[in-house]
Protein backbone atom coordinates (compact mmCIF):
# COMPACT_ATOMS: atom_id res chain seq x y z
CA LEU A 1 0.00 0.00 0.00
CA ARG A 2 2.96 2.32 0.44
CA ASP A 3 3.49 2.23 -3.33
CA ARG A 4 0.12 3.83 -3.91
CA LYS A 5 -1.18 7.34 -3.63
CA VAL A 6 -4.76 8.56 -3.66
CA GLN A 7 -5.98 10.94 -6.34
CA THR A 8 -9.05 13.08 -5.78
CA SER A 9 -10.87 15.14 -8.39
CA THR A 10 -14.24 16.83 -8.85
CA GLU A 11 -16.45 15.81 -11.77
CA VAL A 12 -19.62 17.62 -12.81
CA PHE A 13 -22.33 15.95 -14.89
CA HIS A 14 -24.97 18.14 -16.59
CA GLY A 15 -28.23 16.63 -17.80
CA ALA A 16 -27.65 13.32 -16.07
CA ILE A 17 -30.69 11.42 -14.82
CA LEU A 18 -30.78 10.69 -11.12
CA ASP A 19 -32.05 7.14 -11.44
CA GLY A 20 -32.70 6.67 -7.76
CA PHE A 21 -31.05 5.74 -4.53
CA ARG A 22 -31.09 3.28 -1.68
CA GLY A 23 -31.69 5.22 1.50
CA THR A 24 -30.62 2.50 3.88
CA ARG A 25 -27.18 2.31 2.32
CA ARG A 26 -27.08 5.95 1.16
CA VAL A 27 -26.14 5.04 -2.43
CA PHE A 28 -27.15 7.12 -5.46
CA TYR A 29 -27.43 6.00 -9.09
CA LEU A 30 -26.79 8.42 -11.94
CA ILE A 31 -27.11 7.86 -15.71
CA THR A 32 -25.05 10.30 -17.78
CA GLU A 33 -26.16 11.66 -21.15
CA GLY A 34 -23.71 9.22 -22.76
CA GLY A 35 -25.43 6.28 -21.04
CA ARG A 36 -22.73 5.66 -18.44
CA GLU A 37 -24.01 4.52 -15.06
CA ILE A 38 -22.39 5.86 -11.91
CA ALA A 39 -23.09 4.79 -8.34
CA GLY A 40 -21.69 6.34 -5.21
CA SER A 41 -22.19 7.49 -1.64
CA VAL A 42 -24.66 10.13 -0.47
CA ASP A 43 -24.06 12.23 2.62
CA VAL A 44 -27.02 12.35 5.00
CA SER A 45 -27.41 16.11 4.46
CA LEU A 46 -28.11 15.54 0.73
CA LEU A 47 -30.81 12.87 1.19
CA PRO A 48 -33.75 15.34 0.95
CA ALA A 49 -32.44 16.69 -2.38
CA VAL A 50 -31.84 13.17 -3.69
CA ARG A 51 -35.38 12.12 -2.76
CA ARG A 52 -36.86 15.27 -4.33
CA LEU A 53 -34.89 15.00 -7.59
CA ALA A 54 -35.02 11.22 -8.12
CA GLY A 55 -36.13 10.45 -11.67
CA SER A 56 -35.26 13.88 -13.07
CA ARG A 57 -32.38 15.47 -14.96
CA VAL A 58 -29.83 16.99 -12.62
CA ARG A 59 -26.49 18.71 -12.40
CA ALA A 60 -24.43 16.48 -10.11
CA HIS A 61 -21.11 17.47 -8.56
CA LEU A 62 -19.17 14.36 -7.58
CA ILE A 63 -15.88 13.84 -5.79
CA ALA A 64 -14.00 10.99 -7.45
CA THR A 65 -11.34 9.18 -5.46
CA GLN A 66 -9.02 6.52 -6.85
CA TRP A 67 -5.62 5.11 -6.03
CA ALA A 68 -2.65 5.30 -8.35
CA ALA A 69 0.31 2.93 -8.19
CA ARG A 70 3.86 4.07 -8.92
CA SER A 71 3.62 2.09 -12.15
CA GLY A 72 0.81 4.40 -13.26
CA GLN A 73 -1.91 1.80 -12.83
CA LEU A 74 -5.16 3.35 -11.61
CA GLY A 75 -7.68 1.67 -9.37
CA PRO A 76 -11.45 1.97 -9.72
CA LYS A 77 -13.06 5.30 -8.92
CA HIS A 78 -15.24 5.77 -5.88
CA TYR A 79 -17.80 8.58 -6.10
CA ASP A 80 -19.24 10.78 -3.36
CA LEU A 81 -22.12 13.12 -4.13
CA GLN A 82 -21.01 16.64 -3.20
CA LYS A 83 -23.84 18.79 -4.60
CA LEU A 84 -27.07 18.12 -6.47
CA GLU A 85 -29.39 20.54 -8.22
CA PRO A 86 -32.03 20.44 -10.96
CA ASP A 87 -30.56 20.74 -14.46
CA PRO A 88 -31.31 24.34 -15.50
CA ASP A 89 -31.51 23.26 -19.17
CA ASP A 90 -34.19 20.62 -18.46
CA PRO A 91 -37.57 21.97 -19.61
CA PRO A 92 -40.52 21.22 -17.33
CA LEU A 93 -42.84 18.46 -18.47
CA PHE A 94 -45.92 20.54 -17.77
CA THR A 95 -46.50 24.27 -17.86
CA ARG A 96 -49.29 26.25 -16.31
CA ALA A 97 -51.65 27.97 -18.69
């Protein structure tokens, strides 16, 4: 483990669909516009926003953490949801007349 270091970065996904979450394990599921599926951890403070925005297009700010070996080999990314908001470019399904 001494031959590894941890890399952390922030990734922002616009227009991704918040597919849902499992509240008991605090895990979110996100589908990007390119069809990639991302799962990660949700902090307790973000659970109300996740519940409210489940099933809609969102702008998700994620912290990605992964280890890197001296050889350059990268481990799998682990995602933590940092911020979640409705996608401002997502038109509402219904409008009031």
